[in-house]
């Protein structure tokens, strides 16, 4: 499969990069290994289910994300607030 792309207003094609968020549900915590979901589609099963990696470009660093739906998510907002708070002195 090819990466998911988006066409900008000027016709430029870019690869969509989603925000990967660690699951904190009880099932994934008892298994031992963290599982991940997309911020824009939290109901999609784990990104690495059955030992396969989902064919989507993703990052756990919100500064590298460009998916329009991920950018509007509460997970993105929270991650950016944490980054800003870490940069503030004292």
N, C-alpha and C. Protein backbone atom coordinates (compact mmCIF):
# COMPACT_ATOMS: atom_id res chain seq x y z
N UNK A 1 0.84 -1.19 0.00
CA UNK A 1 0.00 0.00 0.00
C UNK A 1 0.88 1.25 0.00
N UNK A 2 0.36 2.28 -0.58
CA UNK A 2 1.08 3.55 -0.61
C UNK A 2 0.62 4.42 0.54
N UNK A 3 1.43 5.38 0.95
CA UNK A 3 1.03 6.28 2.03
C UNK A 3 -0.21 7.10 1.64
N UNK A 4 -0.96 7.48 2.64
CA UNK A 4 -2.12 8.33 2.43
C UNK A 4 -1.63 9.72 2.05
N UNK A 5 -2.20 10.30 0.98
CA UNK A 5 -1.78 11.63 0.55
C UNK A 5 -2.95 12.60 0.58
N UNK A 6 -2.61 13.87 0.57
CA UNK A 6 -3.60 14.95 0.58
C UNK A 6 -3.14 15.97 -0.45
N UNK A 7 -4.08 16.56 -1.18
CA UNK A 7 -3.75 17.58 -2.17
C UNK A 7 -4.09 18.95 -1.59
N UNK A 8 -3.09 19.83 -1.56
CA UNK A 8 -3.29 21.18 -1.05
C UNK A 8 -3.95 22.06 -2.12
N UNK A 9 -4.38 23.24 -1.73
CA UNK A 9 -5.07 24.15 -2.64
C UNK A 9 -4.24 24.47 -3.89
N UNK A 10 -2.92 24.53 -3.75
CA UNK A 10 -2.07 24.85 -4.90
C UNK A 10 -1.74 23.64 -5.76
N UNK A 11 -2.32 22.47 -5.42
CA UNK A 11 -2.10 21.26 -6.20
C UNK A 11 -0.97 20.39 -5.69
N UNK A 12 -0.25 20.85 -4.69
CA UNK A 12 0.84 20.08 -4.11
C UNK A 12 0.29 18.87 -3.36
N UNK A 13 0.92 17.71 -3.58
CA UNK A 13 0.55 16.50 -2.85
C UNK A 13 1.50 16.32 -1.68
N UNK A 14 0.94 16.05 -0.50
CA UNK A 14 1.76 15.77 0.67
C UNK A 14 1.31 14.46 1.31
N UNK A 15 2.22 13.81 2.00
CA UNK A 15 1.87 12.61 2.75
C UNK A 15 1.23 13.04 4.06
N UNK A 16 0.09 12.43 4.37
CA UNK A 16 -0.62 12.75 5.61
C UNK A 16 0.07 12.03 6.77
N UNK A 17 0.38 12.78 7.81
CA UNK A 17 1.01 12.22 9.00
C UNK A 17 0.03 12.36 10.16
N UNK A 18 -0.34 11.21 10.73
CA UNK A 18 -1.31 11.16 11.82
C UNK A 18 -0.62 11.20 13.18
N UNK A 19 -1.36 11.60 14.20
CA UNK A 19 -0.85 11.57 15.57
C UNK A 19 -1.15 10.20 16.17
N UNK A 20 -0.10 9.49 16.58
CA UNK A 20 -0.25 8.20 17.25
C UNK A 20 -0.28 8.44 18.75
N UNK A 21 -1.31 7.90 19.40
CA UNK A 21 -1.52 8.10 20.83
C UNK A 21 -1.51 6.73 21.51
N UNK A 22 -0.77 6.62 22.62
CA UNK A 22 -0.72 5.36 23.34
C UNK A 22 -2.05 5.07 24.00
N UNK A 23 -2.51 3.82 23.89
CA UNK A 23 -3.72 3.38 24.58
C UNK A 23 -3.42 3.24 26.07
N UNK A 24 -4.38 3.65 26.87
CA UNK A 24 -4.23 3.49 28.32
C UNK A 24 -5.39 2.69 28.88
N UNK A 25 -6.02 1.85 28.03
CA UNK A 25 -7.12 1.04 28.53
C UNK A 25 -6.57 -0.14 29.31
N UNK A 26 -7.41 -0.74 30.13
CA UNK A 26 -6.97 -1.81 31.03
C UNK A 26 -6.42 -3.00 30.26
N UNK A 27 -7.04 -3.37 29.15
CA UNK A 27 -6.59 -4.55 28.40
C UNK A 27 -5.17 -4.37 27.88
N UNK A 28 -4.88 -3.21 27.29
CA UNK A 28 -3.53 -3.01 26.74
C UNK A 28 -2.49 -2.90 27.85
N UNK A 29 -2.88 -2.43 29.02
CA UNK A 29 -1.92 -2.32 30.12
C UNK A 29 -1.58 -3.67 30.72
N UNK A 30 -2.55 -4.60 30.73
CA UNK A 30 -2.28 -5.92 31.31
C UNK A 30 -1.47 -6.79 30.37
N UNK A 31 -1.52 -6.54 29.08
CA UNK A 31 -0.74 -7.31 28.11
C UNK A 31 0.74 -7.02 28.30
N UNK A 32 1.08 -5.82 28.67
CA UNK A 32 2.47 -5.46 28.93
C UNK A 32 3.06 -4.54 27.89
N UNK A 33 2.78 -4.79 26.62
CA UNK A 33 3.30 -3.92 25.57
C UNK A 33 2.28 -2.83 25.27
N UNK A 34 2.73 -1.60 25.11
CA UNK A 34 1.77 -0.54 24.80
C UNK A 34 1.16 -0.73 23.41
N UNK A 35 -0.06 -0.32 23.26
CA UNK A 35 -0.71 -0.33 21.96
C UNK A 35 -1.00 1.12 21.59
N UNK A 36 -1.22 1.35 20.31
CA UNK A 36 -1.37 2.70 19.81
C UNK A 36 -2.65 2.85 19.00
N UNK A 37 -3.16 4.06 18.93
CA UNK A 37 -4.33 4.38 18.11
C UNK A 37 -4.09 5.73 17.45
N UNK A 38 -4.89 6.05 16.45
CA UNK A 38 -4.78 7.35 15.80
C UNK A 38 -5.67 8.35 16.53
N UNK A 39 -5.19 9.56 16.70
CA UNK A 39 -5.97 10.60 17.38
C UNK A 39 -7.25 10.92 16.61
N UNK A 40 -7.20 10.82 15.29
CA UNK A 40 -8.37 11.16 14.47
C UNK A 40 -9.36 10.01 14.34
N UNK A 41 -8.97 8.81 14.75
CA UNK A 41 -9.84 7.64 14.62
C UNK A 41 -9.60 6.70 15.80
N UNK A 42 -9.98 7.12 17.01
CA UNK A 42 -9.66 6.33 18.20
C UNK A 42 -10.33 4.96 18.26
N UNK A 43 -11.37 4.75 17.47
CA UNK A 43 -12.07 3.46 17.51
C UNK A 43 -11.47 2.41 16.59
N UNK A 44 -10.48 2.80 15.77
CA UNK A 44 -9.79 1.82 14.93
C UNK A 44 -8.91 0.99 15.85
N UNK A 45 -8.90 -0.33 15.66
CA UNK A 45 -8.07 -1.18 16.53
C UNK A 45 -6.60 -0.79 16.50
N UNK A 46 -5.86 -1.35 17.44
CA UNK A 46 -4.43 -1.09 17.59
C UNK A 46 -3.71 -1.06 16.25
N UNK A 47 -2.79 -0.10 16.12
CA UNK A 47 -2.04 0.07 14.88
C UNK A 47 -1.15 -1.12 14.57
N UNK A 48 -0.79 -1.89 15.56
CA UNK A 48 0.11 -3.02 15.32
C UNK A 48 -0.57 -4.35 15.64
N UNK A 49 -1.88 -4.43 15.46
CA UNK A 49 -2.62 -5.65 15.77
C UNK A 49 -2.12 -6.82 14.93
N UNK A 50 -2.10 -7.98 15.50
CA UNK A 50 -1.69 -9.22 14.82
C UNK A 50 -0.27 -9.14 14.28
N UNK A 51 0.57 -8.35 14.91
CA UNK A 51 1.96 -8.27 14.48
C UNK A 51 2.19 -7.47 13.21
N UNK A 52 1.17 -6.87 12.66
CA UNK A 52 1.31 -6.06 11.45
C UNK A 52 1.21 -4.59 11.80
N UNK A 53 1.93 -3.80 11.08
CA UNK A 53 1.85 -2.36 11.26
C UNK A 53 0.90 -1.78 10.25
N UNK A 54 0.00 -0.91 10.70
CA UNK A 54 -0.95 -0.28 9.78
C UNK A 54 -0.19 0.57 8.76
N UNK A 55 -0.62 0.57 7.50
CA UNK A 55 0.11 1.29 6.45
C UNK A 55 -0.21 2.79 6.41
N UNK A 56 -0.03 3.45 7.53
CA UNK A 56 -0.28 4.89 7.62
C UNK A 56 0.97 5.56 8.18
N UNK A 57 1.26 6.76 7.72
CA UNK A 57 2.36 7.53 8.29
C UNK A 57 1.86 8.16 9.58
N UNK A 58 2.64 8.02 10.63
CA UNK A 58 2.21 8.52 11.93
C UNK A 58 3.41 8.89 12.77
N UNK A 59 3.14 9.73 13.78
CA UNK A 59 4.19 10.19 14.68
C UNK A 59 3.60 10.35 16.07
N UNK A 60 4.40 10.11 17.09
CA UNK A 60 3.94 10.40 18.45
C UNK A 60 4.35 11.81 18.87
N UNK A 61 5.00 12.55 17.97
CA UNK A 61 5.35 13.95 18.21
C UNK A 61 4.34 14.83 17.48
N UNK A 62 3.51 15.56 18.22
CA UNK A 62 2.45 16.35 17.57
C UNK A 62 2.98 17.45 16.66
N UNK A 63 4.23 17.84 16.84
CA UNK A 63 4.79 18.90 16.01
C UNK A 63 5.00 18.45 14.56
N UNK A 64 5.00 17.15 14.31
CA UNK A 64 5.20 16.63 12.96
C UNK A 64 3.92 16.19 12.28
N UNK A 65 2.78 16.42 12.90
CA UNK A 65 1.49 15.94 12.40
C UNK A 65 0.87 16.97 11.45
N UNK A 66 0.24 16.48 10.37
CA UNK A 66 -0.47 17.40 9.47
C UNK A 66 -1.87 16.91 9.09
N UNK A 67 -2.33 15.80 9.66
CA UNK A 67 -3.69 15.32 9.40
C UNK A 67 -4.68 16.34 9.96
N UNK A 68 -5.58 16.87 9.13
CA UNK A 68 -6.52 17.89 9.61
C UNK A 68 -7.38 17.43 10.78
N UNK A 69 -7.79 16.16 10.78
CA UNK A 69 -8.62 15.67 11.88
C UNK A 69 -7.81 15.45 13.16
N UNK A 70 -6.58 15.00 13.02
CA UNK A 70 -5.72 14.85 14.20
C UNK A 70 -5.43 16.22 14.82
N UNK A 71 -5.22 17.23 13.97
CA UNK A 71 -4.93 18.58 14.47
C UNK A 71 -6.10 19.16 15.27
N UNK A 72 -7.31 18.68 15.03
CA UNK A 72 -8.50 19.15 15.75
C UNK A 72 -8.82 18.30 16.97
N UNK A 73 -8.07 17.23 17.21
CA UNK A 73 -8.39 16.30 18.29
C UNK A 73 -7.94 16.83 19.65
N UNK A 74 -8.60 16.31 20.68
CA UNK A 74 -8.23 16.69 22.05
C UNK A 74 -6.85 16.13 22.41
N UNK A 75 -6.49 14.98 21.84
CA UNK A 75 -5.16 14.40 22.10
C UNK A 75 -4.06 15.32 21.59
N UNK A 76 -4.27 15.92 20.41
CA UNK A 76 -3.29 16.85 19.85
C UNK A 76 -3.18 18.09 20.74
N UNK A 77 -4.33 18.64 21.13
CA UNK A 77 -4.35 19.84 21.98
C UNK A 77 -3.61 19.59 23.28
N UNK A 78 -3.87 18.45 23.91
CA UNK A 78 -3.21 18.11 25.17
C UNK A 78 -1.71 17.94 24.99
N UNK A 79 -1.31 17.26 23.94
CA UNK A 79 0.13 17.05 23.69
C UNK A 79 0.85 18.38 23.47
N UNK A 80 0.24 19.28 22.71
CA UNK A 80 0.86 20.58 22.46
C UNK A 80 0.91 21.43 23.74
N UNK A 81 -0.11 21.34 24.57
CA UNK A 81 -0.09 22.07 25.84
C UNK A 81 1.05 21.57 26.72
N UNK A 82 1.29 20.27 26.72
CA UNK A 82 2.38 19.71 27.52
C UNK A 82 3.73 20.17 27.00
N UNK A 83 3.87 20.26 25.69
CA UNK A 83 5.14 20.73 25.11
C UNK A 83 5.36 22.20 25.47
N UNK A 84 4.32 23.02 25.33
CA UNK A 84 4.45 24.44 25.67
C UNK A 84 4.77 24.63 27.14
N UNK A 85 4.13 23.86 28.02
CA UNK A 85 4.37 23.97 29.47
C UNK A 85 5.82 23.59 29.81
N UNK A 86 6.36 22.61 29.10
CA UNK A 86 7.73 22.17 29.36
C UNK A 86 8.74 23.23 28.94
N UNK A 87 8.37 24.08 28.00
CA UNK A 87 9.28 25.14 27.52
C UNK A 87 9.27 26.38 28.39
N UNK A 88 8.20 26.55 29.17
CA UNK A 88 8.08 27.78 29.98
C UNK A 88 9.05 27.71 31.15
N UNK A 89 9.74 28.81 31.44
CA UNK A 89 10.65 28.81 32.58
C UNK A 89 9.89 28.79 33.91
N UNK A 90 10.50 28.10 34.86
CA UNK A 90 10.04 28.06 36.23
C UNK A 90 8.67 27.66 36.44
